Amino acid sequence: MTFTRAALIASAVLLAGCGKVADLKPATGQSLPVKPLMAKTTPTPAQLLTPPAYAAPERVDELMKKSQPREPDEFDLPPPSGGVAPALPAGADPQPAAADTGPVTPK
């Protein structure tokens, strides 16, 4: 029982030490990334860690308030002649499929 209690206390102390918050700094002997070519200044660590606006776009959850008919769509056309396959272009002779279609043997 004492081992379990001691392990629980030790894990609580270690976990409490993980929550320290401090300013970010480059590692010893390292510098911040170089200034981008078109930038006026070198970005700070806070600027580098801030995601741009396009990384989390706003969501549009606009509900329909009342039912409205759709506007007519000029491209919403029924299939031609009730779904029959279109005819071949003028002057094209239909060619029968070759009868020698079979498995290919490697050479």
PDB file of N, CA and C in Angstrom:
ATOM      1  N   MET A   1       0.825  -1.195   0.000  1.00  0.00           N
ATOM      2  CA  MET A   1       0.000   0.000   0.000  1.00  0.00           C
ATOM      3  C   MET A   1       0.871   1.262   0.000  1.00  0.00           C
ATOM      4  N   THR A   2       1.989   1.240   0.707  1.00  0.00           N
ATOM      5  CA  THR A   2       2.851   2.410   0.765  1.00  0.00           C
ATOM      6  C   THR A   2       3.514   2.677  -0.574  1.00  0.00           C
ATOM      7  N   PHE A   3       3.857   1.606  -1.311  1.00  0.00           N
ATOM      8  CA  PHE A   3       4.473   1.790  -2.633  1.00  0.00           C
ATOM      9  C   PHE A   3       3.495   2.469  -3.584  1.00  0.00           C
ATOM     10  N   THR A   4       2.244   2.051  -3.548  1.00  0.00           N
ATOM     11  CA  THR A   4       1.237   2.641  -4.431  1.00  0.00           C
ATOM     12  C   THR A   4       1.017   4.106  -4.093  1.00  0.00           C
ATOM     13  N   ARG A   5       0.956   4.397  -2.785  1.00  0.00           N
ATOM     14  CA  ARG A   5       0.750   5.786  -2.377  1.00  0.00           C
ATOM     15  C   ARG A   5       1.968   6.639  -2.748  1.00  0.00           C
ATOM     16  N   ALA A   6       3.159   6.097  -2.560  1.00  0.00           N
ATOM     17  CA  ALA A   6       4.378   6.833  -2.903  1.00  0.00           C
ATOM     18  C   ALA A   6       4.456   7.058  -4.415  1.00  0.00           C
ATOM     19  N   ALA A   7       4.074   6.052  -5.200  1.00  0.00           N
ATOM     20  CA  ALA A   7       4.087   6.204  -6.655  1.00  0.00           C
ATOM     21  C   ALA A   7       3.070   7.247  -7.095  1.00  0.00           C
ATOM     22  N   LEU A   8       1.922   7.267  -6.449  1.00  0.00           N
ATOM     23  CA  LEU A   8       0.891   8.242  -6.788  1.00  0.00           C
ATOM     24  C   LEU A   8       1.365   9.659  -6.468  1.00  0.00           C
ATOM     25  N   ILE A   9       1.980   9.840  -5.326  1.00  0.00           N
ATOM     26  CA  ILE A   9       2.483  11.169  -4.947  1.00  0.00           C
ATOM     27  C   ILE A   9       3.609  11.601  -5.886  1.00  0.00           C
ATOM     28  N   ALA A  10       4.505  10.680  -6.220  1.00  0.00           N
ATOM     29  CA  ALA A  10       5.618  11.012  -7.117  1.00  0.00           C
ATOM     30  C   ALA A  10       5.107  11.400  -8.499  1.00  0.00           C
ATOM     31  N   SER A  11       4.126  10.668  -9.011  1.00  0.00           N
ATOM     32  CA  SER A  11       3.593  11.008 -10.335  1.00  0.00           C
ATOM     33  C   SER A  11       2.863  12.339 -10.304  1.00  0.00           C
ATOM     34  N   ALA A  12       2.184  12.670  -9.198  1.00  0.00           N
ATOM     35  CA  ALA A  12       1.500  13.955  -9.087  1.00  0.00           C
ATOM     36  C   ALA A  12       2.508  15.099  -9.065  1.00  0.00           C
ATOM     37  N   VAL A  13       3.633  14.920  -8.354  1.00  0.00           N
ATOM     38  CA  VAL A  13       4.662  15.966  -8.304  1.00  0.00           C
ATOM     39  C   VAL A  13       5.297  16.156  -9.681  1.00  0.00           C
ATOM     40  N   LEU A  14       5.583  15.052 -10.367  1.00  0.00           N
ATOM     41  CA  LEU A  14       6.179  15.157 -11.701  1.00  0.00           C
ATOM     42  C   LEU A  14       5.227  15.804 -12.688  1.00  0.00           C
ATOM     43  N   LEU A  15       3.962  15.461 -12.609  1.00  0.00           N
ATOM     44  CA  LEU A  15       2.969  16.029 -13.515  1.00  0.00           C
ATOM     45  C   LEU A  15       2.780  17.514 -13.260  1.00  0.00           C
ATOM     46  N   ALA A  16       2.838  17.934 -11.996  1.00  0.00           N
ATOM     47  CA  ALA A  16       2.688  19.355 -11.664  1.00  0.00           C
ATOM     48  C   ALA A  16       3.845  20.163 -12.226  1.00  0.00           C
ATOM     49  N   GLY A  17       5.034  19.575 -12.330  1.00  0.00           N
ATOM     50  CA  GLY A  17       6.187  20.282 -12.867  1.00  0.00           C
ATOM     51  C   GLY A  17       6.134  20.476 -14.368  1.00  0.00           C
ATOM     52  N   CYS A  18       5.259  19.764 -15.050  1.00  0.00           N
ATOM     53  CA  CYS A  18       5.171  19.854 -16.512  1.00  0.00           C
ATOM     54  C   CYS A  18       4.457  21.109 -16.986  1.00  0.00           C
ATOM     55  N   GLY A  19       3.719  21.770 -16.114  1.00  0.00           N
ATOM     56  CA  GLY A  19       2.879  22.880 -16.532  1.00  0.00           C
ATOM     57  C   GLY A  19       3.576  24.222 -16.555  1.00  0.00           C
ATOM     58  N   LYS A  20       4.879  24.269 -16.447  1.00  0.00           N
ATOM     59  CA  LYS A  20       5.593  25.543 -16.427  1.00  0.00           C
ATOM     60  C   LYS A  20       5.491  26.209 -17.797  1.00  0.00           C
ATOM     61  N   VAL A  21       5.150  27.485 -17.778  1.00  0.00           N
ATOM     62  CA  VAL A  21       5.015  28.243 -19.016  1.00  0.00           C
ATOM     63  C   VAL A  21       6.072  29.339 -19.017  1.00  0.00           C
ATOM     64  N   ALA A  22       6.827  29.423 -20.095  1.00  0.00           N
ATOM     65  CA  ALA A  22       7.858  30.458 -20.215  1.00  0.00           C
ATOM     66  C   ALA A  22       7.924  30.900 -21.670  1.00  0.00           C
ATOM     67  N   ASP A  23       8.549  32.038 -21.893  1.00  0.00           N
ATOM     68  CA  ASP A  23       8.727  32.521 -23.259  1.00  0.00           C
ATOM     69  C   ASP A  23       9.638  31.570 -24.017  1.00  0.00           C
ATOM     70  N   LEU A  24       9.361  31.392 -25.280  1.00  0.00           N
ATOM     71  CA  LEU A  24      10.191  30.530 -26.110  1.00  0.00           C
ATOM     72  C   LEU A  24      11.437  31.289 -26.557  1.00  0.00           C
ATOM     73  N   LYS A  25      12.547  30.605 -26.490  1.00  0.00           N
ATOM     74  CA  LYS A  25      13.821  31.188 -26.904  1.00  0.00           C
ATOM     75  C   LYS A  25      14.546  30.139 -27.740  1.00  0.00           C
ATOM     76  N   PRO A  26      15.398  30.579 -28.644  1.00  0.00           N
ATOM     77  CA  PRO A  26      16.184  29.595 -29.394  1.00  0.00           C
ATOM     78  C   PRO A  26      17.102  28.823 -28.452  1.00  0.00           C
ATOM     79  N   ALA A  27      17.451  27.616 -28.832  1.00  0.00           N
ATOM     80  CA  ALA A  27      18.365  26.811 -28.030  1.00  0.00           C
ATOM     81  C   ALA A  27      19.716  27.514 -27.933  1.00  0.00           C
ATOM     82  N   THR A  28      20.477  27.171 -26.903  1.00  0.00           N
ATOM     83  CA  THR A  28      21.792  27.785 -26.691  1.00  0.00           C
ATOM     84  C   THR A  28      22.678  27.547 -27.907  1.00  0.00           C
ATOM     85  N   GLY A  29      23.256  28.614 -28.429  1.00  0.00           N
ATOM     86  CA  GLY A  29      24.122  28.515 -29.589  1.00  0.00           C
ATOM     87  C   GLY A  29      23.364  28.561 -30.912  1.00  0.00           C
ATOM     88  N   GLN A  30      22.050  28.616 -30.881  1.00  0.00           N
ATOM     89  CA  GLN A  30      21.234  28.671 -32.096  1.00  0.00           C
ATOM     90  C   GLN A  30      20.602  30.051 -32.222  1.00  0.00           C
ATOM     91  N   SER A  31      20.172  30.389 -33.411  1.00  0.00           N
ATOM     92  CA  SER A  31      19.487  31.659 -33.624  1.00  0.00           C
ATOM     93  C   SER A  31      18.117  31.386 -34.242  1.00  0.00           C
ATOM     94  N   LEU A  32      17.314  32.423 -34.309  1.00  0.00           N
ATOM     95  CA  LEU A  32      16.014  32.292 -34.960  1.00  0.00           C
ATOM     96  C   LEU A  32      16.220  32.023 -36.449  1.00  0.00           C
ATOM     97  N   PRO A  33      15.207  31.518 -37.135  1.00  0.00           N
ATOM     98  CA  PRO A  33      15.345  31.322 -38.581  1.00  0.00           C
ATOM     99  C   PRO A  33      15.673  32.644 -39.279  1.00  0.00           C
ATOM    100  N   VAL A  34      16.328  32.543 -40.423  1.00  0.00           N
ATOM    101  CA  VAL A  34      16.719  33.755 -41.152  1.00  0.00           C
ATOM    102  C   VAL A  34      15.485  34.488 -41.653  1.00  0.00           C
ATOM    103  N   LYS A  35      15.665  35.773 -41.899  1.00  0.00           N
ATOM    104  CA  LYS A  35      14.570  36.618 -42.373  1.00  0.00           C
ATOM    105  C   LYS A  35      14.157  36.170 -43.770  1.00  0.00           C
ATOM    106  N   PRO A  36      12.839  35.975 -44.011  1.00  0.00           N
ATOM    107  CA  PRO A  36      12.394  35.662 -45.369  1.00  0.00           C
ATOM    108  C   PRO A  36      12.769  36.796 -46.326  1.00  0.00           C
ATOM    109  N   LEU A  37      12.953  36.466 -47.589  1.00  0.00           N
ATOM    110  CA  LEU A  37      13.456  37.440 -48.562  1.00  0.00           C
ATOM    111  C   LEU A  37      12.590  38.695 -48.671  1.00  0.00           C
ATOM    112  N   MET A  38      11.270  38.545 -48.708  1.00  0.00           N
ATOM    113  CA  MET A  38      10.404  39.699 -48.920  1.00  0.00           C
ATOM    114  C   MET A  38       9.928  40.340 -47.611  1.00  0.00           C
ATOM    115  N   ALA A  39      10.319  39.801 -46.455  1.00  0.00           N
ATOM    116  CA  ALA A  39       9.877  40.344 -45.169  1.00  0.00           C
ATOM    117  C   ALA A  39      10.728  41.545 -44.779  1.00  0.00           C
ATOM    118  N   LYS A  40      10.124  42.481 -44.035  1.00  0.00           N
ATOM    119  CA  LYS A  40      10.857  43.661 -43.575  1.00  0.00           C
ATOM    120  C   LYS A  40      11.725  43.324 -42.368  1.00  0.00           C
ATOM    121  N   THR A  41      11.226  42.443 -41.479  1.00  0.00           N
ATOM    122  CA  THR A  41      11.965  42.071 -40.275  1.00  0.00           C
ATOM    123  C   THR A  41      11.912  40.563 -40.089  1.00  0.00           C
ATOM    124  N   THR A  42      12.778  40.063 -39.211  1.00  0.00           N
ATOM    125  CA  THR A  42      12.762  38.641 -38.866  1.00  0.00           C
ATOM    126  C   THR A  42      11.570  38.391 -37.953  1.00  0.00           C
ATOM    127  N   PRO A  43      10.745  37.374 -38.237  1.00  0.00           N
ATOM    128  CA  PRO A  43       9.585  37.125 -37.387  1.00  0.00           C
ATOM    129  C   PRO A  43      10.002  36.655 -35.992  1.00  0.00           C
ATOM    130  N   THR A  44       9.213  37.047 -35.001  1.00  0.00           N
ATOM    131  CA  THR A  44       9.461  36.637 -33.615  1.00  0.00           C
ATOM    132  C   THR A  44       8.930  35.215 -33.414  1.00  0.00           C
ATOM    133  N   PRO A  45       9.323  34.555 -32.319  1.00  0.00           N
ATOM    134  CA  PRO A  45       8.772  33.215 -32.065  1.00  0.00           C
ATOM    135  C   PRO A  45       7.246  33.217 -31.984  1.00  0.00           C
ATOM    136  N   ALA A  46       6.657  34.252 -31.395  1.00  0.00           N
ATOM    137  CA  ALA A  46       5.192  34.319 -31.305  1.00  0.00           C
ATOM    138  C   ALA A  46       4.576  34.411 -32.702  1.00  0.00           C
ATOM    139  N   GLN A  47       5.183  35.188 -33.581  1.00  0.00           N
ATOM    140  CA  GLN A  47       4.667  35.303 -34.946  1.00  0.00           C
ATOM    141  C   GLN A  47       4.814  33.983 -35.701  1.00  0.00           C
ATOM    142  N   LEU A  48       5.912  33.265 -35.447  1.00  0.00           N
ATOM    143  CA  LEU A  48       6.106  31.986 -36.124  1.00  0.00           C
ATOM    144  C   LEU A  48       5.116  30.929 -35.639  1.00  0.00           C
ATOM    145  N   LEU A  49       4.691  31.038 -34.389  1.00  0.00           N
ATOM    146  CA  LEU A  49       3.766  30.046 -33.832  1.00  0.00           C
ATOM    147  C   LEU A  49       2.302  30.402 -34.036  1.00  0.00           C
ATOM    148  N   THR A  50       2.003  31.614 -34.481  1.00  0.00           N
ATOM    149  CA  THR A  50       0.622  32.012 -34.716  1.00  0.00           C
ATOM    150  C   THR A  50       0.189  31.527 -36.096  1.00  0.00           C
ATOM    151  N   PRO A  51      -0.852  30.660 -36.161  1.00  0.00           N
ATOM    152  CA  PRO A  51      -1.283  30.175 -37.475  1.00  0.00           C
ATOM    153  C   PRO A  51      -1.943  31.284 -38.283  1.00  0.00           C
ATOM    154  N   PRO A  52      -1.777  31.280 -39.604  1.00  0.00           N
ATOM    155  CA  PRO A  52      -2.421  32.308 -40.429  1.00  0.00           C
ATOM    156  C   PRO A  52      -3.941  32.109 -40.450  1.00  0.00           C
ATOM    157  N   ALA A  53      -4.650  33.110 -40.906  1.00  0.00           N
ATOM    158  CA  ALA A  53      -6.110  33.072 -40.904  1.00  0.00           C
ATOM    159  C   ALA A  53      -6.651  31.937 -41.757  1.00  0.00           C
ATOM    160  N   TYR A  54      -5.983  31.590 -42.848  1.00  0.00           N
ATOM    161  CA  TYR A  54      -6.493  30.538 -43.719  1.00  0.00           C
ATOM    162  C   TYR A  54      -6.308  29.143 -43.122  1.00  0.00           C
ATOM    163  N   ALA A  55      -5.560  29.029 -42.016  1.00  0.00           N
ATOM    164  CA  ALA A  55      -5.376  27.720 -41.389  1.00  0.00           C
ATOM    165  C   ALA A  55      -6.624  27.278 -40.629  1.00  0.00           C
ATOM    166  N   ALA A  56      -7.452  28.205 -40.203  1.00  0.00           N
ATOM    167  CA  ALA A  56      -8.691  27.882 -39.494  1.00  0.00           C
ATOM    168  C   ALA A  56      -9.799  28.787 -40.024  1.00  0.00           C
ATOM    169  N   PRO A  57     -10.346  28.482 -41.205  1.00  0.00           N
ATOM    170  CA  PRO A  57     -11.368  29.352 -41.776  1.00  0.00           C
ATOM    171  C   PRO A  57     -12.649  29.332 -40.953  1.00  0.00           C
ATOM    172  N   GLU A  58     -13.396  30.407 -41.037  1.00  0.00           N
ATOM    173  CA  GLU A  58     -14.672  30.473 -40.333  1.00  0.00           C
ATOM    174  C   GLU A  58     -15.669  29.555 -41.016  1.00  0.00           C
ATOM    175  N   ARG A  59     -16.514  28.956 -40.220  1.00  0.00           N
ATOM    176  CA  ARG A  59     -17.513  28.037 -40.747  1.00  0.00           C
ATOM    177  C   ARG A  59     -18.818  28.783 -40.959  1.00  0.00           C
ATOM    178  N   VAL A  60     -19.475  28.499 -42.056  1.00  0.00           N
ATOM    179  CA  VAL A  60     -20.743  29.140 -42.354  1.00  0.00           C
ATOM    180  C   VAL A  60     -21.851  28.124 -42.084  1.00  0.00           C
ATOM    181  N   ASP A  61     -22.624  28.391 -41.057  1.00  0.00           N
ATOM    182  CA  ASP A  61     -23.735  27.509 -40.703  1.00  0.00           C
ATOM    183  C   ASP A  61     -25.056  28.251 -40.859  1.00  0.00           C
ATOM    184  N   GLU A  62     -25.231  28.867 -41.986  1.00  0.00           N
ATOM    185  CA  GLU A  62     -26.450  29.633 -42.198  1.00  0.00           C
ATOM    186  C   GLU A  62     -27.588  28.676 -42.535  1.00  0.00           C
ATOM    187  N   LEU A  63     -28.606  28.694 -41.705  1.00  0.00           N
ATOM    188  CA  LEU A  63     -29.755  27.839 -41.948  1.00  0.00           C
ATOM    189  C   LEU A  63     -30.740  28.554 -42.859  1.00  0.00           C
ATOM    190  N   MET A  64     -31.479  27.764 -43.636  1.00  0.00           N
ATOM    191  CA  MET A  64     -32.518  28.364 -44.479  1.00  0.00           C
ATOM    192  C   MET A  64     -33.660  28.816 -43.586  1.00  0.00           C
ATOM    193  N   LYS A  65     -34.062  30.052 -43.727  1.00  0.00           N
ATOM    194  CA  LYS A  65     -35.159  30.587 -42.917  1.00  0.00           C
ATOM    195  C   LYS A  65     -36.506  30.148 -43.478  1.00  0.00           C
ATOM    196  N   LYS A  66     -36.627  30.152 -44.796  1.00  0.00           N
ATOM    197  CA  LYS A  66     -37.862  29.682 -45.418  1.00  0.00           C
ATOM    198  C   LYS A  66     -37.521  29.072 -46.769  1.00  0.00           C
ATOM    199  N   SER A  67     -38.351  28.166 -47.200  1.00  0.00           N
ATOM    200  CA  SER A  67     -38.097  27.459 -48.449  1.00  0.00           C
ATOM    201  C   SER A  67     -38.286  28.401 -49.630  1.00  0.00           C
ATOM    202  N   GLN A  68     -37.332  28.370 -50.544  1.00  0.00           N
ATOM    203  CA  GLN A  68     -37.416  29.200 -51.734  1.00  0.00           C
ATOM    204  C   GLN A  68     -37.157  28.325 -52.945  1.00  0.00           C
ATOM    205  N   PRO A  69     -37.885  28.532 -54.041  1.00  0.00           N
ATOM    206  CA  PRO A  69     -37.628  27.726 -55.239  1.00  0.00           C
ATOM    207  C   PRO A  69     -36.267  28.069 -55.834  1.00  0.00           C
ATOM    208  N   ARG A  70     -35.661  27.085 -56.444  1.00  0.00           N
ATOM    209  CA  ARG A  70     -34.366  27.307 -57.089  1.00  0.00           C
ATOM    210  C   ARG A  70     -34.526  28.130 -58.356  1.00  0.00           C
ATOM    211  N   GLU A  71     -33.472  28.845 -58.677  1.00  0.00           N
ATOM    212  CA  GLU A  71     -33.467  29.570 -59.944  1.00  0.00           C
ATOM    213  C   GLU A  71     -33.279  28.556 -61.064  1.00  0.00           C
ATOM    214  N   PRO A  72     -33.858  28.786 -62.228  1.00  0.00           N
ATOM    215  CA  PRO A  72     -33.709  27.819 -63.325  1.00  0.00           C
ATOM    216  C   PRO A  72     -32.247  27.683 -63.746  1.00  0.00           C
ATOM    217  N   ASP A  73     -31.840  26.455 -64.035  1.00  0.00           N
ATOM    218  CA  ASP A  73     -30.469  26.166 -64.453  1.00  0.00           C
ATOM    219  C   ASP A  73     -30.499  25.833 -65.931  1.00  0.00           C
ATOM    220  N   GLU A  74     -29.811  26.636 -66.732  1.00  0.00           N
ATOM    221  CA  GLU A  74     -29.841  26.425 -68.176  1.00  0.00           C
ATOM    222  C   GLU A  74     -29.130  25.149 -68.606  1.00  0.00           C
ATOM    223  N   PHE A  75     -28.300  24.569 -67.739  1.00  0.00           N
ATOM    224  CA  PHE A  75     -27.580  23.353 -68.094  1.00  0.00           C
ATOM    225  C   PHE A  75     -28.246  22.095 -67.548  1.00  0.00           C
ATOM    226  N   ASP A  76     -29.352  22.218 -66.822  1.00  0.00           N
ATOM    227  CA  ASP A  76     -30.071  21.078 -66.281  1.00  0.00           C
ATOM    228  C   ASP A  76     -31.057  20.598 -67.353  1.00  0.00           C
ATOM    229  N   LEU A  77     -30.554  19.781 -68.285  1.00  0.00           N
ATOM    230  CA  LEU A  77     -31.361  19.329 -69.416  1.00  0.00           C
ATOM    231  C   LEU A  77     -31.656  17.842 -69.294  1.00  0.00           C
ATOM    232  N   PRO A  78     -32.781  17.386 -69.820  1.00  0.00           N
ATOM    233  CA  PRO A  78     -33.069  15.951 -69.802  1.00  0.00           C
ATOM    234  C   PRO A  78     -32.162  15.240 -70.804  1.00  0.00           C
ATOM    235  N   PRO A  79     -31.963  13.915 -70.640  1.00  0.00           N
ATOM    236  CA  PRO A  79     -31.133  13.200 -71.599  1.00  0.00           C
ATOM    237  C   PRO A  79     -31.762  13.224 -72.987  1.00  0.00           C
ATOM    238  N   PRO A  80     -30.951  13.246 -74.061  1.00  0.00           N
ATOM    239  CA  PRO A  80     -31.510  13.291 -75.408  1.00  0.00           C
ATOM    240  C   PRO A  80     -32.219  11.986 -75.743  1.00  0.00           C
ATOM    241  N   SER A  81     -33.332  12.077 -76.371  1.00  0.00           N
ATOM    242  CA  SER A  81     -34.145  10.970 -76.882  1.00  0.00           C
ATOM    243  C   SER A  81     -34.367   9.868 -75.856  1.00  0.00           C
ATOM    244  N   GLY A  82     -34.631  10.247 -74.652  1.00  0.00           N
ATOM    245  CA  GLY A  82     -35.013   9.274 -73.645  1.00  0.00           C
ATOM    246  C   GLY A  82     -33.904   8.329 -73.224  1.00  0.00           C
ATOM    247  N   GLY A  83     -32.667   8.694 -73.291  1.00  0.00           N
ATOM    248  CA  GLY A  83     -31.592   7.866 -72.798  1.00  0.00           C
ATOM    249  C   GLY A  83     -30.972   6.944 -73.826  1.00  0.00           C
ATOM    250  N   VAL A  84     -31.348   7.037 -75.098  1.00  0.00           N
ATOM    251  CA  VAL A  84     -30.755   6.207 -76.137  1.00  0.00           C
ATOM    252  C   VAL A  84     -29.353   6.718 -76.419  1.00  0.00           C
ATOM    253  N   ALA A  85     -28.431   5.805 -76.733  1.00  0.00           N
ATOM    254  CA  ALA A  85     -27.058   6.196 -77.016  1.00  0.00           C
ATOM    255  C   ALA A  85     -27.024   7.136 -78.219  1.00  0.00           C
ATOM    256  N   PRO A  86     -26.169   8.147 -78.204  1.00  0.00           N
ATOM    257  CA  PRO A  86     -26.101   9.071 -79.327  1.00  0.00           C
ATOM    258  C   PRO A  86     -25.599   8.365 -80.590  1.00  0.00           C
ATOM    259  N   ALA A  87     -26.052   8.856 -81.727  1.00  0.00           N
ATOM    260  CA  ALA A  87     -25.651   8.281 -83.010  1.00  0.00           C
ATOM    261  C   ALA A  87     -24.201   8.641 -83.303  1.00  0.00           C
ATOM    262  N   LEU A  88     -23.569   7.845 -84.173  1.00  0.00           N
ATOM    263  CA  LEU A  88     -22.196   8.132 -84.578  1.00  0.00           C
ATOM    264  C   LEU A  88     -22.178   9.375 -85.446  1.00  0.00           C
ATOM    265  N   PRO A  89     -21.070  10.088 -85.473  1.00  0.00           N
ATOM    266  CA  PRO A  89     -20.984  11.265 -86.332  1.00  0.00           C
ATOM    267  C   PRO A  89     -21.135  10.869 -87.804  1.00  0.00           C
ATOM    268  N   ALA A  90     -21.527  11.814 -88.609  1.00  0.00           N
ATOM    269  CA  ALA A  90     -21.734  11.544 -90.027  1.00  0.00           C
ATOM    270  C   ALA A  90     -20.444  11.084 -90.682  1.00  0.00           C
ATOM    271  N   GLY A  91     -20.512  10.055 -91.489  1.00  0.00           N
ATOM    272  CA  GLY A  91     -19.359   9.556 -92.221  1.00  0.00           C
ATOM    273  C   GLY A  91     -18.554   8.523 -91.446  1.00  0.00           C
ATOM    274  N   ALA A  92     -18.924   8.196 -90.237  1.00  0.00           N
ATOM    275  CA  ALA A  92     -18.171   7.215 -89.453  1.00  0.00           C
ATOM    276  C   ALA A  92     -18.809   5.848 -89.629  1.00  0.00           C
ATOM    277  N   ASP A  93     -18.029   4.878 -90.059  1.00  0.00           N
ATOM    278  CA  ASP A  93     -18.527   3.521 -90.218  1.00  0.00           C
ATOM    279  C   ASP A  93     -18.282   2.752 -88.923  1.00  0.00           C
ATOM    280  N   PRO A  94     -19.294   2.083 -88.417  1.00  0.00           N
ATOM    281  CA  PRO A  94     -19.069   1.298 -87.210  1.00  0.00           C
ATOM    282  C   PRO A  94     -18.179   0.103 -87.524  1.00  0.00           C
ATOM    283  N   GLN A  95     -17.163  -0.119 -86.738  1.00  0.00           N
ATOM    284  CA  GLN A  95     -16.225  -1.225 -86.924  1.00  0.00           C
ATOM    285  C   GLN A  95     -16.546  -2.325 -85.915  1.00  0.00           C
ATOM    286  N   PRO A  96     -16.618  -3.584 -86.382  1.00  0.00           N
ATOM    287  CA  PRO A  96     -16.867  -4.661 -85.423  1.00  0.00           C
ATOM    288  C   PRO A  96     -15.636  -4.873 -84.533  1.00  0.00           C
ATOM    289  N   ALA A  97     -15.868  -5.396 -83.350  1.00  0.00           N
ATOM    290  CA  ALA A  97     -14.767  -5.664 -82.432  1.00  0.00           C
ATOM    291  C   ALA A  97     -13.956  -6.838 -82.950  1.00  0.00           C
ATOM    292  N   ALA A  98     -12.666  -6.804 -82.768  1.00  0.00           N
ATOM    293  CA  ALA A  98     -11.797  -7.880 -83.225  1.00  0.00           C
ATOM    294  C   ALA A  98     -12.080  -9.137 -82.419  1.00  0.00           C
ATOM    295  N   ALA A  99     -12.079 -10.300 -83.111  1.00  0.00           N
ATOM    296  CA  ALA A  99     -12.384 -11.557 -82.449  1.00  0.00           C
ATOM    297  C   ALA A  99     -11.155 -12.175 -81.806  1.00  0.00           C
ATOM    298  N   ASP A 100      -9.978 -11.611 -82.033  1.00  0.00           N
ATOM    299  CA  ASP A 100      -8.763 -12.221 -81.509  1.00  0.00           C
ATOM    300  C   ASP A 100      -8.360 -11.623 -80.149  1.00  0.00           C
ATOM    301  N   THR A 101      -9.316 -11.122 -79.410  1.00  0.00           N
ATOM    302  CA  THR A 101      -8.992 -10.597 -78.092  1.00  0.00           C
ATOM    303  C   THR A 101      -8.930 -11.761 -77.116  1.00  0.00           C
ATOM    304  N   GLY A 102      -7.839 -11.964 -76.483  1.00  0.00           N
ATOM    305  CA  GLY A 102      -7.674 -13.063 -75.534  1.00  0.00           C
ATOM    306  C   GLY A 102      -6.499 -12.771 -74.642  1.00  0.00           C
ATOM    307  N   PRO A 103      -6.121 -13.748 -73.852  1.00  0.00           N
ATOM    308  CA  PRO A 103      -4.983 -13.498 -72.960  1.00  0.00           C
ATOM    309  C   PRO A 103      -3.697 -13.301 -73.745  1.00  0.00           C
ATOM    310  N   VAL A 104      -2.873 -12.449 -73.245  1.00  0.00           N
ATOM    311  CA  VAL A 104      -1.599 -12.141 -73.885  1.00  0.00           C
ATOM    312  C   VAL A 104      -0.553 -13.107 -73.345  1.00  0.00           C
ATOM    313  N   THR A 105       0.212 -13.709 -74.257  1.00  0.00           N
ATOM    314  CA  THR A 105       1.274 -14.613 -73.822  1.00  0.00           C
ATOM    315  C   THR A 105       2.603 -13.872 -73.886  1.00  0.00           C
ATOM    316  N   PRO A 106       3.395 -13.925 -72.822  1.00  0.00           N
ATOM    317  CA  PRO A 106       4.691 -13.232 -72.857  1.00  0.00           C
ATOM    318  C   PRO A 106       5.643 -13.902 -73.811  1.00  0.00           C
ATOM    319  N   LYS A 107       6.533 -13.129 -74.394  1.00  0.00           N
ATOM    320  CA  LYS A 107       7.499 -13.651 -75.366  1.00  0.00           C
ATOM    321  C   LYS A 107       8.795 -13.962 -74.712  1.00  0.00           C
TER     322      LYS A 107
END
